[in-house]
Amino acid sequence: MNLTLQPELVRLIEKQVAAGRFSSPEEVVAAALQALEQAEEFGDFQAGELNDLLNEGEQSIQQDGTLDGDEAFRERQRRRQQRSGSRP
């Protein structure tokens, strides 16, 4: 596959390789595509938002502990049933 890139993108790729972050332009493009895929899969976060959410989760674990997976699933089912008005 051959691509024609805008000059500013070529400079950006060359800058990444020159800085030693990647060993080839192909690695830069592959990393960019992986980042795009992750953004599409996990949603768009503002800068630092994901780190803030992770920190919030870690603080919650330290304060409140964790739930057993089965217990959490049962609680989720119970809440769903309450919202829908159905009986267990």
N, C-alpha and C. Protein backbone atom coordinates (compact mmCIF):
# COMPACT_ATOMS: atom_id res chain seq x y z
N MET A 1 0.85 -1.17 0.00
CA MET A 1 0.00 0.00 0.00
C MET A 1 0.90 1.23 0.00
N ASN A 2 0.59 2.15 -0.85
CA ASN A 2 1.30 3.42 -0.88
C ASN A 2 0.34 4.53 -0.51
N LEU A 3 0.80 5.44 0.31
CA LEU A 3 -0.03 6.56 0.74
C LEU A 3 0.68 7.87 0.43
N THR A 4 -0.11 8.88 0.16
CA THR A 4 0.43 10.22 0.02
C THR A 4 -0.06 11.02 1.23
N LEU A 5 0.89 11.51 2.00
CA LEU A 5 0.55 12.25 3.21
C LEU A 5 0.84 13.73 3.03
N GLN A 6 0.10 14.53 3.76
CA GLN A 6 0.35 15.97 3.76
C GLN A 6 1.72 16.23 4.37
N PRO A 7 2.39 17.27 3.92
CA PRO A 7 3.74 17.55 4.41
C PRO A 7 3.84 17.67 5.94
N GLU A 8 2.83 18.23 6.57
CA GLU A 8 2.89 18.36 8.03
C GLU A 8 2.83 17.00 8.73
N LEU A 9 2.12 16.05 8.13
CA LEU A 9 2.08 14.70 8.70
C LEU A 9 3.41 13.99 8.49
N VAL A 10 4.02 14.19 7.35
CA VAL A 10 5.34 13.60 7.10
C VAL A 10 6.34 14.14 8.10
N ARG A 11 6.31 15.45 8.36
CA ARG A 11 7.23 16.05 9.33
C ARG A 11 6.98 15.49 10.73
N LEU A 12 5.73 15.31 11.08
CA LEU A 12 5.40 14.76 12.39
C LEU A 12 5.93 13.34 12.55
N ILE A 13 5.75 12.54 11.52
CA ILE A 13 6.27 11.16 11.54
C ILE A 13 7.79 11.17 11.65
N GLU A 14 8.42 11.99 10.83
CA GLU A 14 9.89 12.08 10.86
C GLU A 14 10.39 12.56 12.23
N LYS A 15 9.66 13.46 12.84
CA LYS A 15 10.03 13.96 14.17
C LYS A 15 9.98 12.83 15.20
N GLN A 16 8.96 12.00 15.13
CA GLN A 16 8.82 10.88 16.07
C GLN A 16 9.96 9.89 15.91
N VAL A 17 10.32 9.59 14.66
CA VAL A 17 11.42 8.66 14.39
C VAL A 17 12.75 9.28 14.84
N ALA A 18 12.97 10.56 14.53
CA ALA A 18 14.22 11.23 14.89
C ALA A 18 14.39 11.31 16.41
N ALA A 19 13.29 11.42 17.13
CA ALA A 19 13.36 11.50 18.59
C ALA A 19 13.63 10.13 19.21
N GLY A 20 13.59 9.09 18.39
CA GLY A 20 13.87 7.76 18.90
C GLY A 20 12.67 7.06 19.50
N ARG A 21 11.51 7.65 19.37
CA ARG A 21 10.30 7.02 19.93
C ARG A 21 9.89 5.81 19.10
N PHE A 22 10.21 5.84 17.83
CA PHE A 22 9.87 4.75 16.91
C PHE A 22 11.08 4.51 16.02
N SER A 23 11.21 3.28 15.54
CA SER A 23 12.38 2.98 14.70
C SER A 23 12.10 3.16 13.21
N SER A 24 10.83 3.35 12.85
CA SER A 24 10.50 3.53 11.43
C SER A 24 9.19 4.30 11.29
N PRO A 25 8.97 4.90 10.13
CA PRO A 25 7.69 5.57 9.88
C PRO A 25 6.51 4.60 9.99
N GLU A 26 6.73 3.36 9.59
CA GLU A 26 5.66 2.36 9.68
C GLU A 26 5.21 2.15 11.12
N GLU A 27 6.16 2.16 12.06
CA GLU A 27 5.81 2.00 13.48
C GLU A 27 4.98 3.19 13.96
N VAL A 28 5.30 4.38 13.50
CA VAL A 28 4.54 5.57 13.90
C VAL A 28 3.10 5.45 13.42
N VAL A 29 2.94 5.06 12.17
CA VAL A 29 1.59 4.92 11.60
C VAL A 29 0.83 3.82 12.32
N ALA A 30 1.49 2.69 12.60
CA ALA A 30 0.83 1.59 13.31
C ALA A 30 0.37 2.04 14.69
N ALA A 31 1.22 2.79 15.40
CA ALA A 31 0.84 3.28 16.73
C ALA A 31 -0.34 4.25 16.64
N ALA A 32 -0.33 5.09 15.63
CA ALA A 32 -1.44 6.04 15.46
C ALA A 32 -2.74 5.31 15.18
N LEU A 33 -2.68 4.27 14.36
CA LEU A 33 -3.89 3.50 14.06
C LEU A 33 -4.40 2.75 15.28
N GLN A 34 -3.47 2.22 16.09
CA GLN A 34 -3.87 1.54 17.32
C GLN A 34 -4.53 2.53 18.28
N ALA A 35 -3.98 3.73 18.38
CA ALA A 35 -4.57 4.75 19.25
C ALA A 35 -5.97 5.12 18.77
N LEU A 36 -6.15 5.23 17.47
CA LEU A 36 -7.46 5.53 16.90
C LEU A 36 -8.45 4.42 17.23
N GLU A 37 -8.01 3.18 17.07
CA GLU A 37 -8.88 2.04 17.37
C GLU A 37 -9.29 2.02 18.84
N GLN A 38 -8.34 2.30 19.73
CA GLN A 38 -8.65 2.34 21.16
C GLN A 38 -9.62 3.47 21.48
N ALA A 39 -9.43 4.62 20.86
CA ALA A 39 -10.34 5.75 21.10
C ALA A 39 -11.75 5.41 20.65
N GLU A 40 -11.87 4.71 19.53
CA GLU A 40 -13.19 4.32 19.05
C GLU A 40 -13.81 3.26 19.94
N GLU A 41 -13.00 2.34 20.44
CA GLU A 41 -13.52 1.25 21.27
C GLU A 41 -13.89 1.72 22.67
N PHE A 42 -13.06 2.56 23.25
CA PHE A 42 -13.26 2.95 24.64
C PHE A 42 -13.88 4.32 24.82
N GLY A 43 -14.13 5.02 23.76
CA GLY A 43 -14.73 6.34 23.85
C GLY A 43 -13.67 7.42 23.91
N ASP A 44 -14.12 8.60 23.66
CA ASP A 44 -13.22 9.74 23.68
C ASP A 44 -13.18 10.34 25.07
N PHE A 45 -11.99 10.52 25.57
CA PHE A 45 -11.80 11.14 26.87
C PHE A 45 -11.07 12.46 26.68
N GLN A 46 -11.39 13.42 27.50
CA GLN A 46 -10.64 14.66 27.51
C GLN A 46 -9.25 14.37 28.06
N ALA A 47 -8.31 15.25 27.79
CA ALA A 47 -6.95 15.06 28.28
C ALA A 47 -6.97 14.91 29.81
N GLY A 48 -6.42 13.82 30.29
CA GLY A 48 -6.34 13.56 31.72
C GLY A 48 -7.59 12.95 32.34
N GLU A 49 -8.68 12.90 31.59
CA GLU A 49 -9.94 12.40 32.14
C GLU A 49 -9.84 10.93 32.54
N LEU A 50 -9.24 10.12 31.70
CA LEU A 50 -9.12 8.70 32.01
C LEU A 50 -8.27 8.50 33.26
N ASN A 51 -7.17 9.24 33.38
CA ASN A 51 -6.33 9.14 34.58
C ASN A 51 -7.12 9.55 35.81
N ASP A 52 -7.93 10.60 35.70
CA ASP A 52 -8.75 11.03 36.84
C ASP A 52 -9.73 9.93 37.25
N LEU A 53 -10.35 9.29 36.25
CA LEU A 53 -11.29 8.21 36.55
C LEU A 53 -10.60 7.02 37.20
N LEU A 54 -9.42 6.69 36.72
CA LEU A 54 -8.67 5.59 37.32
C LEU A 54 -8.28 5.92 38.76
N ASN A 55 -7.83 7.14 39.01
CA ASN A 55 -7.49 7.57 40.37
C ASN A 55 -8.71 7.52 41.28
N GLU A 56 -9.84 7.96 40.76
CA GLU A 56 -11.09 7.93 41.53
C GLU A 56 -11.45 6.49 41.90
N GLY A 57 -11.30 5.58 40.95
CA GLY A 57 -11.58 4.17 41.22
C GLY A 57 -10.65 3.59 42.26
N GLU A 58 -9.36 3.93 42.17
CA GLU A 58 -8.40 3.43 43.15
C GLU A 58 -8.70 3.96 44.55
N GLN A 59 -9.09 5.23 44.64
CA GLN A 59 -9.45 5.81 45.94
C GLN A 59 -10.69 5.11 46.50
N SER A 60 -11.65 4.82 45.64
CA SER A 60 -12.86 4.13 46.08
C SER A 60 -12.54 2.75 46.62
N ILE A 61 -11.63 2.05 45.95
CA ILE A 61 -11.23 0.72 46.43
C ILE A 61 -10.56 0.83 47.79
N GLN A 62 -9.70 1.83 47.97
CA GLN A 62 -9.02 2.00 49.25
C GLN A 62 -10.01 2.34 50.36
N GLN A 63 -11.02 3.14 50.05
CA GLN A 63 -11.99 3.55 51.07
C GLN A 63 -13.03 2.48 51.34
N ASP A 64 -13.57 1.90 50.27
CA ASP A 64 -14.72 1.01 50.42
C ASP A 64 -14.41 -0.46 50.17
N GLY A 65 -13.22 -0.76 49.70
CA GLY A 65 -12.89 -2.13 49.36
C GLY A 65 -13.48 -2.51 48.02
N THR A 66 -13.48 -3.78 47.74
CA THR A 66 -13.99 -4.27 46.46
C THR A 66 -15.16 -5.20 46.69
N LEU A 67 -15.89 -5.47 45.64
CA LEU A 67 -17.00 -6.41 45.68
C LEU A 67 -16.60 -7.70 45.00
N ASP A 68 -17.13 -8.78 45.50
CA ASP A 68 -17.00 -10.06 44.81
C ASP A 68 -17.73 -9.92 43.47
N GLY A 69 -17.18 -10.49 42.40
CA GLY A 69 -17.79 -10.38 41.08
C GLY A 69 -19.21 -10.89 41.03
N ASP A 70 -19.47 -12.04 41.67
CA ASP A 70 -20.83 -12.59 41.69
C ASP A 70 -21.78 -11.67 42.44
N GLU A 71 -21.29 -11.10 43.54
CA GLU A 71 -22.12 -10.18 44.32
C GLU A 71 -22.45 -8.94 43.50
N ALA A 72 -21.47 -8.41 42.79
CA ALA A 72 -21.70 -7.23 41.96
C ALA A 72 -22.71 -7.54 40.86
N PHE A 73 -22.62 -8.71 40.26
CA PHE A 73 -23.56 -9.10 39.21
C PHE A 73 -24.97 -9.22 39.76
N ARG A 74 -25.12 -9.84 40.94
CA ARG A 74 -26.44 -9.96 41.56
C ARG A 74 -27.03 -8.58 41.87
N GLU A 75 -26.20 -7.68 42.35
CA GLU A 75 -26.65 -6.33 42.67
C GLU A 75 -27.11 -5.61 41.40
N ARG A 76 -26.38 -5.80 40.32
CA ARG A 76 -26.76 -5.18 39.05
C ARG A 76 -28.10 -5.73 38.57
N GLN A 77 -28.29 -7.03 38.67
CA GLN A 77 -29.56 -7.63 38.28
C GLN A 77 -30.70 -7.10 39.13
N ARG A 78 -30.46 -6.98 40.44
CA ARG A 78 -31.49 -6.47 41.35
C ARG A 78 -31.91 -5.05 40.96
N ARG A 79 -30.94 -4.20 40.68
CA ARG A 79 -31.24 -2.82 40.29
C ARG A 79 -31.99 -2.77 38.97
N ARG A 80 -31.61 -3.62 38.05
CA ARG A 80 -32.29 -3.67 36.75
C ARG A 80 -33.75 -4.07 36.93
N GLN A 81 -33.98 -5.06 37.78
CA GLN A 81 -35.34 -5.52 38.02
C GLN A 81 -36.17 -4.43 38.69
N GLN A 82 -35.57 -3.69 39.60
CA GLN A 82 -36.28 -2.60 40.26
C GLN A 82 -36.70 -1.53 39.25
N ARG A 83 -35.79 -1.20 38.33
CA ARG A 83 -36.10 -0.18 37.33
C ARG A 83 -37.19 -0.63 36.38
N SER A 84 -37.18 -1.90 36.03
CA SER A 84 -38.17 -2.40 35.07
C SER A 84 -39.48 -2.77 35.74
N GLY A 85 -39.48 -2.81 37.07
CA GLY A 85 -40.71 -3.17 37.79
C GLY A 85 -40.98 -4.65 37.81
N SER A 86 -40.04 -5.46 37.35
CA SER A 86 -40.26 -6.91 37.33
C SER A 86 -39.86 -7.52 38.66
N ARG A 87 -40.29 -8.71 38.87
CA ARG A 87 -39.98 -9.44 40.09
C ARG A 87 -38.86 -10.44 39.84
N PRO A 88 -38.03 -10.72 40.87
CA PRO A 88 -36.95 -11.72 40.72
C PRO A 88 -37.46 -13.12 40.44
